[in-house]
PDB file of all heavy atoms in Angstrom:
ATOM      1  N   GLY A   1     -95.960-113.403  16.105  1.00  0.00           N
ATOM      2  CA  GLY A   1     -97.333-113.690  15.694  1.00  0.00           C
ATOM      3  C   GLY A   1     -97.883-115.000  16.234  1.00  0.00           C
ATOM      4  O   GLY A   1     -97.154-115.877  16.695  1.00  0.00           O
ATOM      5  N   ILE A   2     -99.213-115.112  16.165  1.00  0.00           N
ATOM      6  CA  ILE A   2     -99.935-116.316  16.593  1.00  0.00           C
ATOM      7  C   ILE A   2    -100.050-117.267  15.412  1.00  0.00           C
ATOM      8  O   ILE A   2    -100.606-116.900  14.366  1.00  0.00           O
ATOM      9  CB  ILE A   2    -101.352-115.949  17.093  1.00  0.00           C
ATOM     10  CG1 ILE A   2    -101.296-114.966  18.260  1.00  0.00           C
ATOM     11  CG2 ILE A   2    -102.135-117.205  17.479  1.00  0.00           C
ATOM     12  CD1 ILE A   2    -102.635-114.296  18.563  1.00  0.00           C
ATOM     13  N   ALA A   3     -99.550-118.499  15.561  1.00  0.00           N
ATOM     14  CA  ALA A   3     -99.669-119.517  14.515  1.00  0.00           C
ATOM     15  C   ALA A   3    -100.773-120.507  14.817  1.00  0.00           C
ATOM     16  O   ALA A   3    -101.362-121.102  13.911  1.00  0.00           O
ATOM     17  CB  ALA A   3     -98.336-120.250  14.349  1.00  0.00           C
ATOM     18  N   ASN A   4    -101.059-120.692  16.102  1.00  0.00           N
ATOM     19  CA  ASN A   4    -102.003-121.717  16.534  1.00  0.00           C
ATOM     20  C   ASN A   4    -102.780-121.150  17.727  1.00  0.00           C
ATOM     21  O   ASN A   4    -102.221-120.981  18.811  1.00  0.00           O
ATOM     22  CB  ASN A   4    -101.222-122.983  16.931  1.00  0.00           C
ATOM     23  CG  ASN A   4    -102.126-124.129  17.341  1.00  0.00           C
ATOM     24  OD1 ASN A   4    -103.250-123.927  17.790  1.00  0.00           O
ATOM     25  ND2 ASN A   4    -101.622-125.343  17.190  1.00  0.00           N
ATOM     26  N   PHE A   5    -104.056-120.841  17.535  1.00  0.00           N
ATOM     27  CA  PHE A   5    -104.831-120.196  18.597  1.00  0.00           C
ATOM     28  C   PHE A   5    -104.944-121.093  19.839  1.00  0.00           C
ATOM     29  O   PHE A   5    -105.019-120.591  20.956  1.00  0.00           O
ATOM     30  CB  PHE A   5    -106.227-119.826  18.091  1.00  0.00           C
ATOM     31  CG  PHE A   5    -106.266-118.505  17.380  1.00  0.00           C
ATOM     32  CD1 PHE A   5    -106.486-118.447  16.013  1.00  0.00           C
ATOM     33  CD2 PHE A   5    -106.056-117.318  18.066  1.00  0.00           C
ATOM     34  CE1 PHE A   5    -106.509-117.222  15.351  1.00  0.00           C
ATOM     35  CE2 PHE A   5    -106.080-116.098  17.419  1.00  0.00           C
ATOM     36  CZ  PHE A   5    -106.309-116.052  16.051  1.00  0.00           C
ATOM     37  N   VAL A   6    -104.944-122.403  19.654  1.00  0.00           N
ATOM     38  CA  VAL A   6    -105.097-123.302  20.799  1.00  0.00           C
ATOM     39  C   VAL A   6    -103.843-123.254  21.673  1.00  0.00           C
ATOM     40  O   VAL A   6    -103.920-123.040  22.894  1.00  0.00           O
ATOM     41  CB  VAL A   6    -105.409-124.733  20.335  1.00  0.00           C
ATOM     42  CG1 VAL A   6    -105.365-125.706  21.522  1.00  0.00           C
ATOM     43  CG2 VAL A   6    -106.785-124.777  19.667  1.00  0.00           C
ATOM     44  N   THR A   7    -102.658-123.437  21.068  1.00  0.00           N
ATOM     45  CA  THR A   7    -101.433-123.404  21.883  1.00  0.00           C
ATOM     46  C   THR A   7    -101.174-121.997  22.417  1.00  0.00           C
ATOM     47  O   THR A   7    -100.650-121.839  23.525  1.00  0.00           O
ATOM     48  CB  THR A   7    -100.215-123.890  21.081  1.00  0.00           C
ATOM     49  OG1 THR A   7    -100.115-123.131  19.859  1.00  0.00           O
ATOM     50  CG2 THR A   7    -100.344-125.363  20.733  1.00  0.00           C
ATOM     51  N   PHE A   8    -101.558-120.971  21.651  1.00  0.00           N
ATOM     52  CA  PHE A   8    -101.418-119.597  22.144  1.00  0.00           C
ATOM     53  C   PHE A   8    -102.229-119.391  23.414  1.00  0.00           C
ATOM     54  O   PHE A   8    -101.724-118.908  24.428  1.00  0.00           O
ATOM     55  CB  PHE A   8    -101.862-118.616  21.046  1.00  0.00           C
ATOM     56  CG  PHE A   8    -102.296-117.261  21.550  1.00  0.00           C
ATOM     57  CD1 PHE A   8    -101.392-116.400  22.143  1.00  0.00           C
ATOM     58  CD2 PHE A   8    -103.611-116.857  21.443  1.00  0.00           C
ATOM     59  CE1 PHE A   8    -101.791-115.151  22.603  1.00  0.00           C
ATOM     60  CE2 PHE A   8    -104.026-115.617  21.900  1.00  0.00           C
ATOM     61  CZ  PHE A   8    -103.110-114.771  22.490  1.00  0.00           C
ATOM     62  N   LEU A   9    -103.514-119.774  23.393  1.00  0.00           N
ATOM     63  CA  LEU A   9    -104.362-119.565  24.570  1.00  0.00           C
ATOM     64  C   LEU A   9    -103.929-120.452  25.739  1.00  0.00           C
ATOM     65  O   LEU A   9    -104.043-120.063  26.898  1.00  0.00           O
ATOM     66  CB  LEU A   9    -105.826-119.833  24.217  1.00  0.00           C
ATOM     67  CG  LEU A   9    -106.487-118.765  23.332  1.00  0.00           C
ATOM     68  CD1 LEU A   9    -107.847-119.242  22.833  1.00  0.00           C
ATOM     69  CD2 LEU A   9    -106.632-117.437  24.073  1.00  0.00           C
ATOM     70  N   GLU A  10    -103.416-121.630  25.432  1.00  0.00           N
ATOM     71  CA  GLU A  10    -102.954-122.527  26.511  1.00  0.00           C
ATOM     72  C   GLU A  10    -101.713-121.960  27.211  1.00  0.00           C
ATOM     73  O   GLU A  10    -101.528-122.169  28.411  1.00  0.00           O
ATOM     74  CB  GLU A  10    -102.631-123.914  25.930  1.00  0.00           C
ATOM     75  CG  GLU A  10    -103.864-124.733  25.590  1.00  0.00           C
ATOM     76  CD  GLU A  10    -103.533-126.046  24.881  1.00  0.00           C
ATOM     77  OE1 GLU A  10    -102.408-126.180  24.342  1.00  0.00           O
ATOM     78  OE2 GLU A  10    -104.409-126.928  24.855  1.00  0.00           O
ATOM     79  N   ASN A  11    -100.879-121.237  26.474  1.00  0.00           N
ATOM     80  CA  ASN A  11     -99.563-120.871  26.992  1.00  0.00           C
ATOM     81  C   ASN A  11     -99.373-119.386  27.269  1.00  0.00           C
ATOM     82  O   ASN A  11     -98.332-118.990  27.789  1.00  0.00           O
ATOM     83  CB  ASN A  11     -98.474-121.334  26.017  1.00  0.00           C
ATOM     84  CG  ASN A  11     -98.445-122.845  25.858  1.00  0.00           C
ATOM     85  OD1 ASN A  11     -98.517-123.564  26.851  1.00  0.00           O
ATOM     86  ND2 ASN A  11     -98.374-123.328  24.638  1.00  0.00           N
ATOM     87  N   THR A  12    -100.352-118.537  26.936  1.00  0.00           N
ATOM     88  CA  THR A  12    -100.199-117.110  27.214  1.00  0.00           C
ATOM     89  C   THR A  12    -100.232-116.874  28.729  1.00  0.00           C
ATOM     90  O   THR A  12    -100.631-117.757  29.497  1.00  0.00           O
ATOM     91  CB  THR A  12    -101.301-116.282  26.502  1.00  0.00           C
ATOM     92  OG1 THR A  12    -100.939-114.898  26.554  1.00  0.00           O
ATOM     93  CG2 THR A  12    -102.662-116.463  27.153  1.00  0.00           C
ATOM     94  N   GLY A  13     -99.799-115.678  29.168  1.00  0.00           N
ATOM     95  CA  GLY A  13     -99.785-115.373  30.603  1.00  0.00           C
ATOM     96  C   GLY A  13    -101.145-115.621  31.237  1.00  0.00           C
ATOM     97  O   GLY A  13    -102.183-115.264  30.666  1.00  0.00           O
ATOM     98  N   ASP A  14    -101.144-116.214  32.443  1.00  0.00           N
ATOM     99  CA  ASP A  14    -102.412-116.563  33.114  1.00  0.00           C
ATOM    100  C   ASP A  14    -103.338-115.369  33.234  1.00  0.00           C
ATOM    101  O   ASP A  14    -104.561-115.492  33.147  1.00  0.00           O
ATOM    102  CB  ASP A  14    -102.134-117.102  34.527  1.00  0.00           C
ATOM    103  CG  ASP A  14    -101.464-118.466  34.491  1.00  0.00           C
ATOM    104  OD1 ASP A  14    -101.434-119.070  33.408  1.00  0.00           O
ATOM    105  OD2 ASP A  14    -100.970-118.906  35.542  1.00  0.00           O
ATOM    106  N   TRP A  15    -102.754-114.180  33.447  1.00  0.00           N
ATOM    107  CA  TRP A  15    -103.554-112.980  33.680  1.00  0.00           C
ATOM    108  C   TRP A  15    -104.258-112.503  32.399  1.00  0.00           C
ATOM    109  O   TRP A  15    -105.144-111.673  32.449  1.00  0.00           O
ATOM    110  CB  TRP A  15    -102.681-111.865  34.245  1.00  0.00           C
ATOM    111  CG  TRP A  15    -101.549-111.462  33.333  1.00  0.00           C
ATOM    112  CD1 TRP A  15    -101.577-110.523  32.331  1.00  0.00           C
ATOM    113  CD2 TRP A  15    -100.223-111.991  33.321  1.00  0.00           C
ATOM    114  NE1 TRP A  15    -100.358-110.441  31.699  1.00  0.00           N
ATOM    115  CE2 TRP A  15     -99.504-111.332  32.293  1.00  0.00           C
ATOM    116  CE3 TRP A  15     -99.554-112.968  34.094  1.00  0.00           C
ATOM    117  CZ2 TRP A  15     -98.167-111.610  32.012  1.00  0.00           C
ATOM    118  CZ3 TRP A  15     -98.236-113.230  33.810  1.00  0.00           C
ATOM    119  CH2 TRP A  15     -97.556-112.568  32.786  1.00  0.00           C
ATOM    120  N   ARG A  16    -103.839-113.029  31.223  1.00  0.00           N
ATOM    121  CA  ARG A  16    -104.377-112.546  29.954  1.00  0.00           C
ATOM    122  C   ARG A  16    -105.431-113.469  29.339  1.00  0.00           C
ATOM    123  O   ARG A  16    -106.173-113.058  28.455  1.00  0.00           O
ATOM    124  CB  ARG A  16    -103.252-112.389  28.918  1.00  0.00           C
ATOM    125  CG  ARG A  16    -102.148-111.464  29.317  1.00  0.00           C
ATOM    126  CD  ARG A  16    -101.137-111.299  28.189  1.00  0.00           C
ATOM    127  NE  ARG A  16    -101.683-110.457  27.134  1.00  0.00           N
ATOM    128  CZ  ARG A  16    -101.990-110.879  25.912  1.00  0.00           C
ATOM    129  NH1 ARG A  16    -101.852-112.139  25.595  1.00  0.00           N
ATOM    130  NH2 ARG A  16    -102.465-110.040  25.022  1.00  0.00           N
ATOM    131  N   ARG A  17    -105.457-114.743  29.788  1.00  0.00           N
ATOM    132  CA  ARG A  17    -106.215-115.750  29.029  1.00  0.00           C
ATOM    133  C   ARG A  17    -107.691-115.396  28.897  1.00  0.00           C
ATOM    134  O   ARG A  17    -108.266-115.444  27.806  1.00  0.00           O
ATOM    135  CB  ARG A  17    -106.043-117.132  29.678  1.00  0.00           C
ATOM    136  CG  ARG A  17    -106.650-118.274  28.854  1.00  0.00           C
ATOM    137  CD  ARG A  17    -106.245-119.625  29.387  1.00  0.00           C
ATOM    138  NE  ARG A  17    -104.789-119.773  29.373  1.00  0.00           N
ATOM    139  CZ  ARG A  17    -104.025-119.809  30.454  1.00  0.00           C
ATOM    140  NH1 ARG A  17    -104.566-119.688  31.651  1.00  0.00           N
ATOM    141  NH2 ARG A  17    -102.720-119.939  30.360  1.00  0.00           N
ATOM    142  N   GLU A  18    -108.308-114.996  30.008  1.00  0.00           N
ATOM    143  CA  GLU A  18    -109.747-114.720  29.974  1.00  0.00           C
ATOM    144  C   GLU A  18    -110.060-113.530  29.054  1.00  0.00           C
ATOM    145  O   GLU A  18    -111.027-113.552  28.287  1.00  0.00           O
ATOM    146  CB  GLU A  18    -110.234-114.428  31.402  1.00  0.00           C
ATOM    147  CG  GLU A  18    -111.743-114.446  31.538  1.00  0.00           C
ATOM    148  CD  GLU A  18    -112.178-114.273  32.996  1.00  0.00           C
ATOM    149  OE1 GLU A  18    -111.505-114.815  33.891  1.00  0.00           O
ATOM    150  OE2 GLU A  18    -113.180-113.595  33.205  1.00  0.00           O
ATOM    151  N   LEU A  19    -109.212-112.502  29.112  1.00  0.00           N
ATOM    152  CA  LEU A  19    -109.414-111.339  28.244  1.00  0.00           C
ATOM    153  C   LEU A  19    -109.306-111.726  26.771  1.00  0.00           C
ATOM    154  O   LEU A  19    -110.064-111.249  25.928  1.00  0.00           O
ATOM    155  CB  LEU A  19    -108.362-110.266  28.544  1.00  0.00           C
ATOM    156  CG  LEU A  19    -108.552-109.375  29.767  1.00  0.00           C
ATOM    157  CD1 LEU A  19    -107.361-108.456  29.920  1.00  0.00           C
ATOM    158  CD2 LEU A  19    -109.827-108.559  29.649  1.00  0.00           C
ATOM    159  N   ARG A  20    -108.351-112.596  26.457  1.00  0.00           N
ATOM    160  CA  ARG A  20    -108.138-112.982  25.058  1.00  0.00           C
ATOM    161  C   ARG A  20    -109.242-113.912  24.562  1.00  0.00           C
ATOM    162  O   ARG A  20    -109.643-113.859  23.394  1.00  0.00           O
ATOM    163  CB  ARG A  20    -106.761-113.647  24.888  1.00  0.00           C
ATOM    164  CG  ARG A  20    -105.595-112.719  25.164  1.00  0.00           C
ATOM    165  CD  ARG A  20    -105.481-111.581  24.136  1.00  0.00           C
ATOM    166  NE  ARG A  20    -106.438-110.520  24.355  1.00  0.00           N
ATOM    167  CZ  ARG A  20    -106.872-109.662  23.442  1.00  0.00           C
ATOM    168  NH1 ARG A  20    -106.445-109.738  22.207  1.00  0.00           N
ATOM    169  NH2 ARG A  20    -107.734-108.721  23.728  1.00  0.00           N
ATOM    170  N   GLU A  21    -109.734-114.788  25.439  1.00  0.00           N
ATOM    171  CA  GLU A  21    -110.820-115.691  25.030  1.00  0.00           C
ATOM    172  C   GLU A  21    -112.092-114.910  24.707  1.00  0.00           C
ATOM    173  O   GLU A  21    -112.887-115.330  23.864  1.00  0.00           O
ATOM    174  CB  GLU A  21    -111.088-116.736  26.119  1.00  0.00           C
ATOM    175  CG  GLU A  21    -109.988-117.785  26.206  1.00  0.00           C
ATOM    176  CD  GLU A  21    -110.353-118.960  27.109  1.00  0.00           C
ATOM    177  OE1 GLU A  21    -111.156-118.763  28.051  1.00  0.00           O
ATOM    178  OE2 GLU A  21    -109.854-120.068  26.856  1.00  0.00           O
ATOM    179  N   ALA A  22    -112.277-113.762  25.369  1.00  0.00           N
ATOM    180  CA  ALA A  22    -113.445-112.920  25.075  1.00  0.00           C
ATOM    181  C   ALA A  22    -113.425-112.452  23.630  1.00  0.00           C
ATOM    182  O   ALA A  22    -114.476-112.235  23.018  1.00  0.00           O
ATOM    183  CB  ALA A  22    -113.476-111.723  26.020  1.00  0.00           C
ATOM    184  N   GLU A  23    -112.236-112.316  23.054  1.00  0.00           N
ATOM    185  CA  GLU A  23    -112.098-111.845  21.672  1.00  0.00           C
ATOM    186  C   GLU A  23    -112.075-113.000  20.671  1.00  0.00           C
ATOM    187  O   GLU A  23    -112.753-112.972  19.651  1.00  0.00           O
ATOM    188  CB  GLU A  23    -110.807-111.026  21.554  1.00  0.00           C
ATOM    189  CG  GLU A  23    -110.350-110.721  20.140  1.00  0.00           C
ATOM    190  CD  GLU A  23    -111.264-109.758  19.396  1.00  0.00           C
ATOM    191  OE1 GLU A  23    -111.875-108.893  20.042  1.00  0.00           O
ATOM    192  OE2 GLU A  23    -111.371-109.876  18.161  1.00  0.00           O
ATOM    193  N   TYR A  24    -111.271-114.032  20.965  1.00  0.00           N
ATOM    194  CA  TYR A  24    -110.996-115.060  19.962  1.00  0.00           C
ATOM    195  C   TYR A  24    -111.938-116.257  20.029  1.00  0.00           C
ATOM    196  O   TYR A  24    -112.101-116.980  19.047  1.00  0.00           O
ATOM    197  CB  TYR A  24    -109.554-115.568  20.110  1.00  0.00           C
ATOM    198  CG  TYR A  24    -108.516-114.503  19.890  1.00  0.00           C
ATOM    199  CD1 TYR A  24    -107.497-114.283  20.805  1.00  0.00           C
ATOM    200  CD2 TYR A  24    -108.556-113.707  18.748  1.00  0.00           C
ATOM    201  CE1 TYR A  24    -106.531-113.298  20.594  1.00  0.00           C
ATOM    202  CE2 TYR A  24    -107.595-112.720  18.536  1.00  0.00           C
ATOM    203  CZ  TYR A  24    -106.590-112.524  19.462  1.00  0.00           C
ATOM    204  OH  TYR A  24    -105.648-111.551  19.254  1.00  0.00           O
ATOM    205  N   GLY A  25    -112.546-116.474  21.202  1.00  0.00           N
ATOM    206  CA  GLY A  25    -113.288-117.704  21.439  1.00  0.00           C
ATOM    207  C   GLY A  25    -112.573-118.500  22.515  1.00  0.00           C
ATOM    208  O   GLY A  25    -111.370-118.323  22.749  1.00  0.00           O
ATOM    209  N   SER A  26    -113.308-119.372  23.199  1.00  0.00           N
ATOM    210  CA  SER A  26    -112.717-120.071  24.350  1.00  0.00           C
ATOM    211  C   SER A  26    -112.270-121.481  23.977  1.00  0.00           C
ATOM    212  O   SER A  26    -112.821-122.123  23.080  1.00  0.00           O
ATOM    213  CB  SER A  26    -113.731-120.139  25.494  1.00  0.00           C
ATOM    214  OG  SER A  26    -114.746-121.059  25.198  1.00  0.00           O
ATOM    215  N   LEU A  27    -111.276-121.952  24.734  1.00  0.00           N
ATOM    216  CA  LEU A  27    -110.797-123.324  24.527  1.00  0.00           C
ATOM    217  C   LEU A  27    -111.905-124.330  24.830  1.00  0.00           C
ATOM    218  O   LEU A  27    -111.994-125.378  24.189  1.00  0.00           O
ATOM    219  CB  LEU A  27    -109.580-123.580  25.426  1.00  0.00           C
ATOM    220  CG  LEU A  27    -108.309-122.813  25.038  1.00  0.00           C
ATOM    221  CD1 LEU A  27    -107.250-122.956  26.126  1.00  0.00           C
ATOM    222  CD2 LEU A  27    -107.761-123.313  23.702  1.00  0.00           C
ATOM    223  N   ALA A  28    -112.754-123.988  25.792  1.00  0.00           N
ATOM    224  CA  ALA A  28    -113.822-124.915  26.175  1.00  0.00           C
ATOM    225  C   ALA A  28    -114.901-125.030  25.101  1.00  0.00           C
ATOM    226  O   ALA A  28    -115.372-126.132  24.786  1.00  0.00           O
ATOM    227  CB  ALA A  28    -114.446-124.462  27.495  1.00  0.00           C
ATOM    228  N   ASP A  29    -115.286-123.889  24.510  1.00  0.00           N
ATOM    229  CA  ASP A  29    -116.449-123.889  23.611  1.00  0.00           C
ATOM    230  C   ASP A  29    -116.110-123.831  22.134  1.00  0.00           C
ATOM    231  O   ASP A  29    -116.919-124.236  21.297  1.00  0.00           O
ATOM    232  CB  ASP A  29    -117.356-122.682  23.938  1.00  0.00           C
ATOM    233  CG  ASP A  29    -117.865-122.720  25.361  1.00  0.00           C
ATOM    234  OD1 ASP A  29    -117.987-123.835  25.915  1.00  0.00           O
ATOM    235  OD2 ASP A  29    -118.121-121.640  25.929  1.00  0.00           O
ATOM    236  N   ASP A  30    -114.918-123.305  21.798  1.00  0.00           N
ATOM    237  CA  ASP A  30    -114.643-122.997  20.390  1.00  0.00           C
ATOM    238  C   ASP A  30    -113.380-123.671  19.871  1.00  0.00           C
ATOM    239  O   ASP A  30    -112.836-123.263  18.843  1.00  0.00           O
ATOM    240  CB  ASP A  30    -114.506-121.477  20.214  1.00  0.00           C
ATOM    241  CG  ASP A  30    -115.723-120.719  20.736  1.00  0.00           C
ATOM    242  OD1 ASP A  30    -116.798-120.878  20.140  1.00  0.00           O
ATOM    243  OD2 ASP A  30    -115.587-119.994  21.738  1.00  0.00           O
ATOM    244  N   ARG A  31    -112.915-124.713  20.564  1.00  0.00           N
ATOM    245  CA  ARG A  31    -111.625-125.317  20.211  1.00  0.00           C
ATOM    246  C   ARG A  31    -111.585-125.767  18.745  1.00  0.00           C
ATOM    247  O   ARG A  31    -110.604-125.503  18.034  1.00  0.00           O
ATOM    248  CB  ARG A  31    -111.317-126.490  21.136  1.00  0.00           C
ATOM    249  CG  ARG A  31    -109.968-127.162  20.841  1.00  0.00           C
ATOM    250  CD  ARG A  31    -109.708-128.316  21.787  1.00  0.00           C
ATOM    251  NE  ARG A  31    -109.375-127.868  23.129  1.00  0.00           N
ATOM    252  CZ  ARG A  31    -108.123-127.793  23.599  1.00  0.00           C
ATOM    253  NH1 ARG A  31    -107.094-128.122  22.831  1.00  0.00           N
ATOM    254  NH2 ARG A  31    -107.897-127.395  24.824  1.00  0.00           N
ATOM    255  N   GLU A  32    -112.652-126.385  18.282  1.00  0.00           N
ATOM    256  CA  GLU A  32    -112.656-126.918  16.914  1.00  0.00           C
ATOM    257  C   GLU A  32    -112.501-125.774  15.894  1.00  0.00           C
ATOM    258  O   GLU A  32    -111.735-125.875  14.935  1.00  0.00           O
ATOM    259  CB  GLU A  32    -113.954-127.691  16.658  1.00  0.00           C
ATOM    260  CG  GLU A  32    -113.949-128.480  15.364  1.00  0.00           C
ATOM    261  CD  GLU A  32    -115.233-129.285  15.182  1.00  0.00           C
ATOM    262  OE1 GLU A  32    -115.812-129.755  16.202  1.00  0.00           O
ATOM    263  OE2 GLU A  32    -115.658-129.425  14.027  1.00  0.00           O
ATOM    264  N   PHE A  33    -113.231-124.686  16.128  1.00  0.00           N
ATOM    265  CA  PHE A  33    -113.141-123.542  15.225  1.00  0.00           C
ATOM    266  C   PHE A  33    -111.748-122.918  15.282  1.00  0.00           C
ATOM    267  O   PHE A  33    -111.166-122.557  14.252  1.00  0.00           O
ATOM    268  CB  PHE A  33    -114.200-122.492  15.588  1.00  0.00           C
ATOM    269  CG  PHE A  33    -114.079-121.215  14.819  1.00  0.00           C
ATOM    270  CD1 PHE A  33    -114.407-121.164  13.475  1.00  0.00           C
ATOM    271  CD2 PHE A  33    -113.624-120.057  15.433  1.00  0.00           C
ATOM    272  CE1 PHE A  33    -114.270-119.985  12.750  1.00  0.00           C
ATOM    273  CE2 PHE A  33    -113.488-118.878  14.731  1.00  0.00           C
ATOM    274  CZ  PHE A  33    -113.810-118.844  13.380  1.00  0.00           C
ATOM    275  N   LEU A  34    -111.191-122.792  16.495  1.00  0.00           N
ATOM    276  CA  LEU A  34    -109.865-122.217  16.647  1.00  0.00           C
ATOM    277  C   LEU A  34    -108.810-123.060  15.923  1.00  0.00           C
ATOM    278  O   LEU A  34    -107.873-122.522  15.316  1.00  0.00           O
ATOM    279  CB  LEU A  34    -109.518-122.071  18.135  1.00  0.00           C
ATOM    280  CG  LEU A  34    -110.354-121.046  18.916  1.00  0.00           C
ATOM    281  CD1 LEU A  34    -110.105-121.182  20.417  1.00  0.00           C
ATOM    282  CD2 LEU A  34    -110.036-119.620  18.455  1.00  0.00           C
TER     283      LEU A  34
END
């Protein structure tokens, strides 16, 4: 499971990050909320 959305998005496979940010929010725009 995901415990920390920021470290998850930073460390997930490079090919997945953009797809996942579309769902959860982006590190650039939504870090505080995440």
